[in-house]
Amino acid sequence: MALVSSIKLSDEEKLAILQRLDQFRHWHSLDEKRYCLVCGEIITGREIHVIMGTRGNRSMRIICPTKYCDAMPIEWVWPTDDLLIKIAMVEVERNWLCLIMRVGRAMQSYGRKTTSGTISRTRAKPPLGQRQHAED
């Protein structure tokens, strides 16, 4: 991975760069928001990092500001109400499935604990001939 350095810019310069480098959605203001499909965060134009590669080509890029996410403009979408509702529904479903899995594991663990100590060992009855001697 090429080393990168963040560039300090005025608001006007940063907006002009966003408008030039984001070929997928137009930026009217640095306060506009986008939803990053990679990290799942809502980001603003003010937060987006403008970086310049330090190897040969020194080309300027814009990337997601979220730590460990280097998503680019094609991976940012407008956070419409429909999109936010879908994201919330997926999150609820994921949480529900996690809860079901935790309950299942807890029930398995509980079942092992309650049955492991209660298994009774039955004695084998002595053969018929020995029974008579035991009764005598």
Protein backbone atom coordinates (compact mmCIF):
# COMPACT_ATOMS: atom_id res chain seq x y z
CA MET A 1 0.00 0.00 0.00
CA ALA A 2 1.34 3.45 -0.89
CA LEU A 3 2.06 5.87 1.89
CA VAL A 4 -0.40 8.75 1.99
CA SER A 5 -0.50 12.12 3.62
CA SER A 6 -3.59 14.12 4.50
CA ILE A 7 -3.86 17.58 2.97
CA LYS A 8 -5.05 20.63 4.91
CA LEU A 9 -7.45 22.72 2.82
CA SER A 10 -9.79 25.66 3.20
CA ASP A 11 -13.52 24.88 3.04
CA GLU A 12 -13.72 26.30 -0.48
CA GLU A 13 -10.77 24.23 -1.69
CA LYS A 14 -12.12 21.05 -0.11
CA LEU A 15 -15.58 21.54 -1.63
CA ALA A 16 -14.02 22.13 -5.06
CA ILE A 17 -11.97 18.92 -4.70
CA LEU A 18 -15.04 16.91 -3.61
CA GLN A 19 -16.94 18.24 -6.61
CA ARG A 20 -14.07 17.36 -8.94
CA LEU A 21 -13.15 13.93 -7.55
CA ASP A 22 -16.61 12.54 -6.70
CA GLN A 23 -17.89 11.67 -10.15
CA PHE A 24 -20.91 9.79 -8.76
CA ARG A 25 -22.74 12.38 -6.61
CA HIS A 26 -22.55 16.17 -6.68
CA TRP A 27 -21.54 18.05 -3.53
CA HIS A 28 -23.31 21.38 -2.86
CA SER A 29 -21.87 21.83 0.64
CA LEU A 30 -19.35 20.29 3.05
CA ASP A 31 -22.24 19.68 5.45
CA GLU A 32 -23.89 17.19 3.10
CA LYS A 33 -23.95 13.62 4.31
CA ARG A 34 -23.19 10.33 2.65
CA TYR A 35 -23.60 6.76 3.87
CA CYS A 36 -20.46 4.64 3.45
CA LEU A 37 -21.43 1.19 2.20
CA VAL A 38 -18.11 -0.25 3.39
CA CYS A 39 -18.03 0.77 7.06
CA GLY A 40 -21.72 1.62 7.58
CA GLU A 41 -21.07 5.13 8.90
CA ILE A 42 -22.70 8.38 7.87
CA ILE A 43 -19.98 10.87 6.93
CA THR A 44 -19.95 14.53 5.97
CA GLY A 45 -17.90 16.38 3.39
CA ARG A 46 -16.02 18.11 6.21
CA GLU A 47 -14.88 14.74 7.58
CA ILE A 48 -13.74 13.20 4.30
CA HIS A 49 -9.97 12.89 3.97
CA VAL A 50 -8.21 14.41 0.99
CA ILE A 51 -4.94 12.57 0.55
CA MET A 52 -2.04 12.62 -1.83
CA GLY A 53 0.03 9.57 -2.61
CA THR A 54 3.72 9.97 -1.80
CA ARG A 55 5.01 7.62 -4.48
CA GLY A 56 5.68 8.61 -8.04
CA ASN A 57 2.29 9.86 -9.28
CA ARG A 58 1.31 12.14 -6.32
CA SER A 59 -2.34 11.90 -7.34
CA MET A 60 -4.99 13.33 -5.04
CA ARG A 61 -7.76 11.06 -3.69
CA ILE A 62 -10.68 11.35 -1.29
CA ILE A 63 -11.37 8.55 1.18
CA CYS A 64 -13.75 7.75 4.03
CA PRO A 65 -12.69 9.31 7.34
CA THR A 66 -13.65 6.26 9.42
CA LYS A 67 -10.68 4.51 11.03
CA TYR A 68 -9.54 1.47 8.99
CA CYS A 69 -11.92 2.34 6.12
CA ASP A 70 -10.50 3.67 2.88
CA ALA A 71 -13.72 3.62 0.84
CA MET A 72 -13.91 5.96 -2.11
CA PRO A 73 -16.80 8.01 -3.58
CA ILE A 74 -18.33 5.14 -5.55
CA GLU A 75 -18.97 3.47 -2.17
CA TRP A 76 -20.81 6.48 -0.67
CA VAL A 77 -24.54 6.96 -1.19
CA TRP A 78 -27.08 9.55 -0.10
CA PRO A 79 -28.61 8.56 3.25
CA THR A 80 -32.24 8.67 2.11
CA ASP A 81 -35.07 7.76 4.48
CA ASP A 82 -35.64 4.51 2.55
CA LEU A 83 -31.98 3.55 2.86
CA LEU A 84 -31.84 4.40 6.58
CA ILE A 85 -35.00 2.34 7.20
CA LYS A 86 -33.53 -0.65 5.34
CA ILE A 87 -30.28 -0.35 7.30
CA ALA A 88 -32.21 -0.19 10.58
CA MET A 89 -34.28 -3.25 9.61
CA VAL A 90 -31.17 -5.24 8.72
CA GLU A 91 -29.60 -4.24 12.05
CA VAL A 92 -32.72 -5.30 13.97
CA GLU A 93 -32.78 -8.64 12.15
CA ARG A 94 -29.07 -9.18 12.84
CA ASN A 95 -29.57 -8.39 16.53
CA TRP A 96 -32.58 -10.74 16.65
CA LEU A 97 -30.58 -13.58 15.10
CA CYS A 98 -27.71 -12.98 17.53
CA LEU A 99 -30.16 -13.10 20.43
CA ILE A 100 -31.69 -16.36 19.17
CA MET A 101 -28.22 -17.89 18.84
CA ARG A 102 -27.27 -16.80 22.37
CA VAL A 103 -30.51 -18.26 23.77
CA GLY A 104 -29.85 -21.51 21.91
CA ARG A 105 -26.32 -21.77 23.28
CA ALA A 106 -27.57 -20.96 26.80
CA MET A 107 -30.26 -23.64 26.55
CA GLN A 108 -27.71 -26.21 25.35
CA SER A 109 -25.38 -25.28 28.19
CA TYR A 110 -28.24 -25.41 30.72
CA GLY A 111 -29.35 -28.78 29.35
CA ARG A 112 -25.85 -30.20 29.77
CA LYS A 113 -25.58 -28.91 33.33
CA THR A 114 -28.95 -30.27 34.46
CA THR A 115 -28.66 -33.68 32.81
CA SER A 116 -25.00 -34.40 33.57
CA GLY A 117 -25.57 -34.71 37.32
CA THR A 118 -28.90 -36.51 37.14
CA ILE A 119 -28.02 -39.47 34.98
CA SER A 120 -28.67 -42.47 37.21
CA ARG A 121 -26.71 -45.61 36.84
CA THR A 122 -28.84 -48.71 37.17
CA ARG A 123 -27.31 -51.79 38.64
CA ALA A 124 -27.50 -54.89 36.60
CA LYS A 125 -29.62 -57.50 38.25
CA PRO A 126 -27.77 -60.63 39.18
CA PRO A 127 -28.47 -63.72 37.09
CA LEU A 128 -31.42 -65.85 38.23
CA GLY A 129 -29.30 -68.42 39.96
CA GLN A 130 -27.54 -65.80 42.06
CA ARG A 131 -30.81 -64.13 43.03
CA GLN A 132 -31.91 -67.17 44.91
CA HIS A 133 -28.69 -67.24 46.88
CA ALA A 134 -29.09 -63.58 47.73
CA GLU A 135 -32.61 -64.21 49.03
CA ASP A 136 -31.48 -67.18 51.21
